[in-house]
């Protein structure tokens, strides 16, 4: 049974840790790996020498919902962490995938992946393919509407990365009928993963290295009755 299947469906927030491999620069500097991953137990153990030349190692272990080691493939990360969330979205629930970490820890690689290399696709492009794959498999008289927005939060300012002026500051509002929303945020209807990729690429050209949210709405419209002659 996978770690995802072993978790309760009632979990609202889950924390996943991914440990990246050493970079070329770190290897040239003779850096050592001090992290141990136990995927079965969901544990990350960090160890360091107590003093220069000392053989004694101090270790601390932390437990998370899911942990991934340096050799974990992109598809495995998606299937274990993001796929259940996207499946819930397709069933009508809200879902958020939030990547957090210092610069250089691998957030962009995990979320976006390597463009042009399908096996290295990250969570975002895999979710695009997942959504439209689900739509393609549906049968019956059903129409689907998928809408996309892309916003950035930088120094507590909210900007629309797909808007005519990506530096304009937008306001966060709340209404009883829709809840919390961003006033003036542009929304685009998309019909394929390729169209979603183009919008993401457009937004990336306007973004700064800070907190960004790619939002999409999925709605299903079922038609009942028979066609009139």
C-alpha atoms as a PDB file:
ATOM      1  CA  UNK A   1       0.000   0.000   0.000  1.00  0.00           C
ATOM      2  CA  UNK A   2       1.378   3.432  -0.905  1.00  0.00           C
ATOM      3  CA  UNK A   3       1.841   6.203   1.628  1.00  0.00           C
ATOM      4  CA  UNK A   4      -1.008   8.100  -0.028  1.00  0.00           C
ATOM      5  CA  UNK A   5      -3.417   5.158   0.272  1.00  0.00           C
ATOM      6  CA  UNK A   6      -2.435   4.638   3.889  1.00  0.00           C
ATOM      7  CA  UNK A   7      -3.529   8.148   4.858  1.00  0.00           C
ATOM      8  CA  UNK A   8      -7.056   9.002   5.927  1.00  0.00           C
ATOM      9  CA  UNK A   9      -9.284  10.680   3.383  1.00  0.00           C
ATOM     10  CA  UNK A  10     -10.185  13.185   6.095  1.00  0.00           C
ATOM     11  CA  UNK A  11      -6.690  14.757   6.102  1.00  0.00           C
ATOM     12  CA  UNK A  12      -7.039  18.426   5.213  1.00  0.00           C
ATOM     13  CA  UNK A  13      -3.356  19.428   5.269  1.00  0.00           C
ATOM     14  CA  UNK A  14      -0.452  17.126   4.469  1.00  0.00           C
ATOM     15  CA  UNK A  15       3.253  17.953   4.533  1.00  0.00           C
ATOM     16  CA  UNK A  16       5.634  16.340   2.045  1.00  0.00           C
ATOM     17  CA  UNK A  17       9.428  16.642   2.096  1.00  0.00           C
ATOM     18  CA  UNK A  18      11.643  16.105  -0.939  1.00  0.00           C
ATOM     19  CA  UNK A  19      15.422  15.962  -0.584  1.00  0.00           C
ATOM     20  CA  UNK A  20      17.307  17.035  -3.718  1.00  0.00           C
ATOM     21  CA  UNK A  21      20.712  15.628  -4.762  1.00  0.00           C
ATOM     22  CA  UNK A  22      23.921  17.607  -4.430  1.00  0.00           C
ATOM     23  CA  UNK A  23      24.500  20.206  -7.142  1.00  0.00           C
ATOM     24  CA  UNK A  24      27.651  20.205  -9.285  1.00  0.00           C
ATOM     25  CA  UNK A  25      28.960  23.178  -7.290  1.00  0.00           C
ATOM     26  CA  UNK A  26      28.373  21.348  -4.007  1.00  0.00           C
ATOM     27  CA  UNK A  27      30.157  18.262  -5.347  1.00  0.00           C
ATOM     28  CA  UNK A  28      33.141  20.379  -6.444  1.00  0.00           C
ATOM     29  CA  UNK A  29      33.268  21.863  -2.947  1.00  0.00           C
ATOM     30  CA  UNK A  30      33.381  18.333  -1.450  1.00  0.00           C
ATOM     31  CA  UNK A  31      30.099  18.818   0.378  1.00  0.00           C
ATOM     32  CA  UNK A  32      28.722  15.798   2.191  1.00  0.00           C
ATOM     33  CA  UNK A  33      25.162  14.489   2.346  1.00  0.00           C
ATOM     34  CA  UNK A  34      23.923  14.767   5.935  1.00  0.00           C
ATOM     35  CA  UNK A  35      20.303  13.777   5.338  1.00  0.00           C
ATOM     36  CA  UNK A  36      18.869  10.274   5.606  1.00  0.00           C
ATOM     37  CA  UNK A  37      15.421   9.454   4.246  1.00  0.00           C
ATOM     38  CA  UNK A  38      13.234   6.639   5.542  1.00  0.00           C
ATOM     39  CA  UNK A  39      10.290   6.586   3.141  1.00  0.00           C
ATOM     40  CA  UNK A  40       8.533   3.707   4.875  1.00  0.00           C
ATOM     41  CA  UNK A  41       8.395   5.546   8.208  1.00  0.00           C
ATOM     42  CA  UNK A  42       8.108   9.054   6.701  1.00  0.00           C
ATOM     43  CA  UNK A  43      11.251  10.174   8.530  1.00  0.00           C
ATOM     44  CA  UNK A  44      14.024  12.644   7.707  1.00  0.00           C
ATOM     45  CA  UNK A  45      17.166  12.348   9.813  1.00  0.00           C
ATOM     46  CA  UNK A  46      19.733  15.165   9.800  1.00  0.00           C
ATOM     47  CA  UNK A  47      23.188  14.431  11.183  1.00  0.00           C
ATOM     48  CA  UNK A  48      26.352  16.492  11.664  1.00  0.00           C
ATOM     49  CA  UNK A  49      29.690  16.048  13.394  1.00  0.00           C
ATOM     50  CA  UNK A  50      29.867  17.531  16.880  1.00  0.00           C
ATOM     51  CA  UNK A  51      33.280  19.053  16.172  1.00  0.00           C
ATOM     52  CA  UNK A  52      36.010  19.146  13.534  1.00  0.00           C
ATOM     53  CA  UNK A  53      37.745  15.793  13.420  1.00  0.00           C
ATOM     54  CA  UNK A  54      35.198  14.256  15.776  1.00  0.00           C
ATOM     55  CA  UNK A  55      33.764  10.841  14.992  1.00  0.00           C
ATOM     56  CA  UNK A  56      30.648  11.535  17.065  1.00  0.00           C
ATOM     57  CA  UNK A  57      27.590  12.515  15.076  1.00  0.00           C
ATOM     58  CA  UNK A  58      24.568  14.360  16.434  1.00  0.00           C
ATOM     59  CA  UNK A  59      21.309  13.404  14.735  1.00  0.00           C
ATOM     60  CA  UNK A  60      17.771  14.724  14.783  1.00  0.00           C
ATOM     61  CA  UNK A  61      14.811  12.951  13.226  1.00  0.00           C
ATOM     62  CA  UNK A  62      11.648  14.586  11.939  1.00  0.00           C
ATOM     63  CA  UNK A  63       8.455  12.852  10.789  1.00  0.00           C
ATOM     64  CA  UNK A  64       6.226  13.996   7.926  1.00  0.00           C
ATOM     65  CA  UNK A  65       3.244  12.657   6.002  1.00  0.00           C
ATOM     66  CA  UNK A  66       5.377  11.729   2.966  1.00  0.00           C
ATOM     67  CA  UNK A  67       9.129  11.939   2.320  1.00  0.00           C
ATOM     68  CA  UNK A  68      11.056  11.535  -0.931  1.00  0.00           C
ATOM     69  CA  UNK A  69      14.758  10.808  -1.338  1.00  0.00           C
ATOM     70  CA  UNK A  70      17.182  12.091  -3.978  1.00  0.00           C
ATOM     71  CA  UNK A  71      16.341   9.359  -6.490  1.00  0.00           C
ATOM     72  CA  UNK A  72      12.566   9.826  -6.536  1.00  0.00           C
ATOM     73  CA  UNK A  73      11.160  10.319 -10.047  1.00  0.00           C
ATOM     74  CA  UNK A  74       8.902  13.237 -10.952  1.00  0.00           C
ATOM     75  CA  UNK A  75       5.968  10.952 -11.772  1.00  0.00           C
ATOM     76  CA  UNK A  76       6.250   9.285  -8.381  1.00  0.00           C
ATOM     77  CA  UNK A  77       6.147  12.650  -6.621  1.00  0.00           C
ATOM     78  CA  UNK A  78       3.030  13.582  -8.588  1.00  0.00           C
ATOM     79  CA  UNK A  79       1.236  10.292  -8.002  1.00  0.00           C
ATOM     80  CA  UNK A  80       1.930  10.262  -4.252  1.00  0.00           C
ATOM     81  CA  UNK A  81       1.194  13.908  -3.471  1.00  0.00           C
ATOM     82  CA  UNK A  82      -0.621  15.822  -6.199  1.00  0.00           C
ATOM     83  CA  UNK A  83      -2.797  13.207  -7.903  1.00  0.00           C
ATOM     84  CA  UNK A  84      -5.195  12.757  -4.918  1.00  0.00           C
ATOM     85  CA  UNK A  85      -5.638  16.544  -4.707  1.00  0.00           C
ATOM     86  CA  UNK A  86      -6.378  16.891  -8.423  1.00  0.00           C
ATOM     87  CA  UNK A  87      -8.802  13.957  -8.175  1.00  0.00           C
ATOM     88  CA  UNK A  88     -10.611  15.811  -5.377  1.00  0.00           C
ATOM     89  CA  UNK A  89     -10.777  18.949  -7.528  1.00  0.00           C
ATOM     90  CA  UNK A  90     -12.339  16.898 -10.316  1.00  0.00           C
ATOM     91  CA  UNK A  91     -14.968  15.796  -7.788  1.00  0.00           C
ATOM     92  CA  UNK A  92     -15.815  19.408  -6.943  1.00  0.00           C
ATOM     93  CA  UNK A  93     -13.586  20.160  -3.937  1.00  0.00           C
ATOM     94  CA  UNK A  94     -11.032  22.951  -3.541  1.00  0.00           C
ATOM     95  CA  UNK A  95      -7.382  21.916  -3.523  1.00  0.00           C
ATOM     96  CA  UNK A  96      -4.042  23.670  -3.065  1.00  0.00           C
ATOM     97  CA  UNK A  97      -0.474  22.480  -3.669  1.00  0.00           C
ATOM     98  CA  UNK A  98       2.033  24.769  -1.989  1.00  0.00           C
ATOM     99  CA  UNK A  99       5.818  24.474  -2.530  1.00  0.00           C
ATOM    100  CA  UNK A 100       8.003  26.088   0.138  1.00  0.00           C
ATOM    101  CA  UNK A 101      11.759  26.254   0.587  1.00  0.00           C
ATOM    102  CA  UNK A 102      14.884  28.381   0.293  1.00  0.00           C
ATOM    103  CA  UNK A 103      16.307  29.476  -3.060  1.00  0.00           C
ATOM    104  CA  UNK A 104      18.009  26.540  -4.750  1.00  0.00           C
ATOM    105  CA  UNK A 105      16.124  23.790  -2.936  1.00  0.00           C
ATOM    106  CA  UNK A 106      14.327  22.550  -6.050  1.00  0.00           C
ATOM    107  CA  UNK A 107      10.861  24.141  -5.845  1.00  0.00           C
ATOM    108  CA  UNK A 108      10.756  25.103  -9.523  1.00  0.00           C
ATOM    109  CA  UNK A 109      11.979  21.682 -10.630  1.00  0.00           C
ATOM    110  CA  UNK A 110       9.366  19.916  -8.505  1.00  0.00           C
ATOM    111  CA  UNK A 111       6.502  22.168  -9.572  1.00  0.00           C
ATOM    112  CA  UNK A 112       7.382  22.923 -13.231  1.00  0.00           C
ATOM    113  CA  UNK A 113      10.040  20.357 -14.135  1.00  0.00           C
ATOM    114  CA  UNK A 114      12.250  20.508 -17.214  1.00  0.00           C
ATOM    115  CA  UNK A 115      10.405  21.939 -20.265  1.00  0.00           C
ATOM    116  CA  UNK A 116      10.460  19.708 -23.322  1.00  0.00           C
ATOM    117  CA  UNK A 117      11.242  16.517 -21.400  1.00  0.00           C
ATOM    118  CA  UNK A 118       7.993  14.646 -20.573  1.00  0.00           C
ATOM    119  CA  UNK A 119       9.524  12.288 -18.007  1.00  0.00           C
ATOM    120  CA  UNK A 120      10.875  15.303 -16.106  1.00  0.00           C
ATOM    121  CA  UNK A 121       7.572  17.211 -16.075  1.00  0.00           C
ATOM    122  CA  UNK A 122       6.684  18.664 -12.702  1.00  0.00           C
ATOM    123  CA  UNK A 123       3.460  18.777 -10.729  1.00  0.00           C
ATOM    124  CA  UNK A 124       1.890  21.642 -12.699  1.00  0.00           C
ATOM    125  CA  UNK A 125       2.178  20.206 -16.238  1.00  0.00           C
ATOM    126  CA  UNK A 126       1.264  16.751 -14.944  1.00  0.00           C
ATOM    127  CA  UNK A 127      -1.883  18.194 -13.392  1.00  0.00           C
ATOM    128  CA  UNK A 128      -2.768  19.800 -16.750  1.00  0.00           C
ATOM    129  CA  UNK A 129      -2.510  16.413 -18.470  1.00  0.00           C
ATOM    130  CA  UNK A 130      -4.441  14.762 -15.628  1.00  0.00           C
ATOM    131  CA  UNK A 131      -7.389  17.162 -15.910  1.00  0.00           C
ATOM    132  CA  UNK A 132      -7.795  16.915 -19.655  1.00  0.00           C
ATOM    133  CA  UNK A 133      -7.200  13.166 -19.556  1.00  0.00           C
ATOM    134  CA  UNK A 134     -10.141  12.903 -17.169  1.00  0.00           C
ATOM    135  CA  UNK A 135     -12.292  15.038 -19.466  1.00  0.00           C
ATOM    136  CA  UNK A 136     -11.410  12.914 -22.503  1.00  0.00           C
ATOM    137  CA  UNK A 137     -12.538   9.734 -20.727  1.00  0.00           C
ATOM    138  CA  UNK A 138     -15.937  11.052 -19.666  1.00  0.00           C
ATOM    139  CA  UNK A 139     -18.944   9.760 -21.544  1.00  0.00           C
ATOM    140  CA  UNK A 140     -22.423  11.090 -22.088  1.00  0.00           C
ATOM    141  CA  UNK A 141     -23.780  14.555 -22.763  1.00  0.00           C
ATOM    142  CA  UNK A 142     -21.432  16.470 -20.502  1.00  0.00           C
ATOM    143  CA  UNK A 143     -19.621  19.752 -21.168  1.00  0.00           C
ATOM    144  CA  UNK A 144     -16.593  20.914 -19.215  1.00  0.00           C
ATOM    145  CA  UNK A 145     -15.277  24.395 -18.551  1.00  0.00           C
ATOM    146  CA  UNK A 146     -11.672  24.928 -17.395  1.00  0.00           C
ATOM    147  CA  UNK A 147     -10.514  28.432 -16.486  1.00  0.00           C
ATOM    148  CA  UNK A 148      -7.034  29.569 -15.472  1.00  0.00           C
ATOM    149  CA  UNK A 149      -5.577  32.534 -13.566  1.00  0.00           C
ATOM    150  CA  UNK A 150      -1.975  33.214 -12.552  1.00  0.00           C
ATOM    151  CA  UNK A 151      -1.168  35.633  -9.719  1.00  0.00           C
ATOM    152  CA  UNK A 152       1.864  36.617  -7.677  1.00  0.00           C
ATOM    153  CA  UNK A 153       2.271  37.847  -4.109  1.00  0.00           C
ATOM    154  CA  UNK A 154       5.405  40.005  -3.782  1.00  0.00           C
ATOM    155  CA  UNK A 155       6.098  42.202  -0.739  1.00  0.00           C
ATOM    156  CA  UNK A 156       2.445  41.686   0.242  1.00  0.00           C
ATOM    157  CA  UNK A 157       1.289  43.076  -3.128  1.00  0.00           C
ATOM    158  CA  UNK A 158      -0.929  40.921  -5.363  1.00  0.00           C
ATOM    159  CA  UNK A 159      -0.287  41.157  -9.125  1.00  0.00           C
ATOM    160  CA  UNK A 160      -1.937  39.514 -12.130  1.00  0.00           C
ATOM    161  CA  UNK A 161       0.796  37.796 -14.167  1.00  0.00           C
ATOM    162  CA  UNK A 162      -1.576  37.322 -17.099  1.00  0.00           C
ATOM    163  CA  UNK A 163      -3.022  40.833 -16.996  1.00  0.00           C
ATOM    164  CA  UNK A 164      -2.273  43.739 -19.319  1.00  0.00           C
ATOM    165  CA  UNK A 165      -0.260  45.361 -16.519  1.00  0.00           C
ATOM    166  CA  UNK A 166       1.456  42.600 -14.478  1.00  0.00           C
ATOM    167  CA  UNK A 167       2.857  45.156 -12.004  1.00  0.00           C
ATOM    168  CA  UNK A 168      -0.530  46.665 -11.084  1.00  0.00           C
ATOM    169  CA  UNK A 169      -1.565  46.003  -7.489  1.00  0.00           C
ATOM    170  CA  UNK A 170      -4.844  44.155  -7.033  1.00  0.00           C
ATOM    171  CA  UNK A 171      -7.140  44.004  -4.027  1.00  0.00           C
ATOM    172  CA  UNK A 172      -8.212  40.894  -2.144  1.00  0.00           C
ATOM    173  CA  UNK A 173     -11.951  40.973  -1.466  1.00  0.00           C
ATOM    174  CA  UNK A 174     -14.602  38.721   0.051  1.00  0.00           C
ATOM    175  CA  UNK A 175     -18.221  38.157  -0.900  1.00  0.00           C
ATOM    176  CA  UNK A 176     -20.802  35.865   0.700  1.00  0.00           C
ATOM    177  CA  UNK A 177     -21.598  34.176  -2.614  1.00  0.00           C
ATOM    178  CA  UNK A 178     -18.027  33.513  -3.854  1.00  0.00           C
ATOM    179  CA  UNK A 179     -15.869  33.812  -0.736  1.00  0.00           C
ATOM    180  CA  UNK A 180     -12.361  35.301  -0.965  1.00  0.00           C
ATOM    181  CA  UNK A 181     -11.345  36.534  -4.421  1.00  0.00           C
ATOM    182  CA  UNK A 182      -8.948  38.940  -6.139  1.00  0.00           C
ATOM    183  CA  UNK A 183     -10.719  41.892  -7.708  1.00  0.00           C
ATOM    184  CA  UNK A 184      -9.756  42.398 -11.353  1.00  0.00           C
ATOM    185  CA  UNK A 185      -7.881  39.112 -11.715  1.00  0.00           C
ATOM    186  CA  UNK A 186      -7.984  37.958 -15.336  1.00  0.00           C
ATOM    187  CA  UNK A 187      -9.332  34.515 -16.156  1.00  0.00           C
ATOM    188  CA  UNK A 188      -8.826  32.525 -19.354  1.00  0.00           C
ATOM    189  CA  UNK A 189     -10.803  29.584 -20.690  1.00  0.00           C
ATOM    190  CA  UNK A 190      -8.522  26.778 -21.889  1.00  0.00           C
ATOM    191  CA  UNK A 191      -9.233  23.700 -23.980  1.00  0.00           C
ATOM    192  CA  UNK A 192      -5.990  21.715 -23.785  1.00  0.00           C
ATOM    193  CA  UNK A 193      -2.822  21.204 -21.716  1.00  0.00           C
ATOM    194  CA  UNK A 194      -0.886  23.061 -24.438  1.00  0.00           C
ATOM    195  CA  UNK A 195      -3.010  26.185 -23.910  1.00  0.00           C
ATOM    196  CA  UNK A 196      -2.393  25.977 -20.150  1.00  0.00           C
ATOM    197  CA  UNK A 197       1.355  25.614 -20.769  1.00  0.00           C
ATOM    198  CA  UNK A 198       1.338  28.745 -22.939  1.00  0.00           C
ATOM    199  CA  UNK A 199      -0.416  30.764 -20.248  1.00  0.00           C
ATOM    200  CA  UNK A 200       2.007  29.557 -17.606  1.00  0.00           C
ATOM    201  CA  UNK A 201       4.974  30.477 -19.826  1.00  0.00           C
ATOM    202  CA  UNK A 202       3.475  33.921 -20.400  1.00  0.00           C
ATOM    203  CA  UNK A 203       3.030  34.455 -16.666  1.00  0.00           C
ATOM    204  CA  UNK A 204       6.538  33.242 -15.893  1.00  0.00           C
ATOM    205  CA  UNK A 205       7.983  36.001 -18.071  1.00  0.00           C
ATOM    206  CA  UNK A 206       6.374  38.582 -15.773  1.00  0.00           C
ATOM    207  CA  UNK A 207       7.011  36.976 -12.408  1.00  0.00           C
ATOM    208  CA  UNK A 208       9.623  37.707  -9.787  1.00  0.00           C
ATOM    209  CA  UNK A 209      11.231  34.985  -7.684  1.00  0.00           C
ATOM    210  CA  UNK A 210       8.573  35.003  -5.053  1.00  0.00           C
ATOM    211  CA  UNK A 211       5.231  33.500  -4.094  1.00  0.00           C
ATOM    212  CA  UNK A 212       3.103  32.618  -7.131  1.00  0.00           C
ATOM    213  CA  UNK A 213      -0.239  30.882  -7.490  1.00  0.00           C
ATOM    214  CA  UNK A 214      -1.470  29.214 -10.648  1.00  0.00           C
ATOM    215  CA  UNK A 215      -5.211  28.811 -10.167  1.00  0.00           C
ATOM    216  CA  UNK A 216      -7.628  26.862 -12.285  1.00  0.00           C
ATOM    217  CA  UNK A 217     -11.352  26.288 -12.044  1.00  0.00           C
ATOM    218  CA  UNK A 218     -13.010  23.160 -13.310  1.00  0.00           C
ATOM    219  CA  UNK A 219     -16.752  22.836 -13.758  1.00  0.00           C
ATOM    220  CA  UNK A 220     -18.921  20.100 -15.184  1.00  0.00           C
ATOM    221  CA  UNK A 221     -22.231  20.815 -16.896  1.00  0.00           C
ATOM    222  CA  UNK A 222     -24.590  17.898 -17.351  1.00  0.00           C
ATOM    223  CA  UNK A 223     -27.451  18.067 -19.824  1.00  0.00           C
ATOM    224  CA  UNK A 224     -30.605  16.074 -19.224  1.00  0.00           C
ATOM    225  CA  UNK A 225     -33.452  15.320 -21.595  1.00  0.00           C
ATOM    226  CA  UNK A 226     -33.483  14.678 -25.291  1.00  0.00           C
ATOM    227  CA  UNK A 227     -32.562  16.763 -28.291  1.00  0.00           C
ATOM    228  CA  UNK A 228     -35.475  18.557 -29.933  1.00  0.00           C
ATOM    229  CA  UNK A 229     -36.088  17.818 -33.637  1.00  0.00           C
END
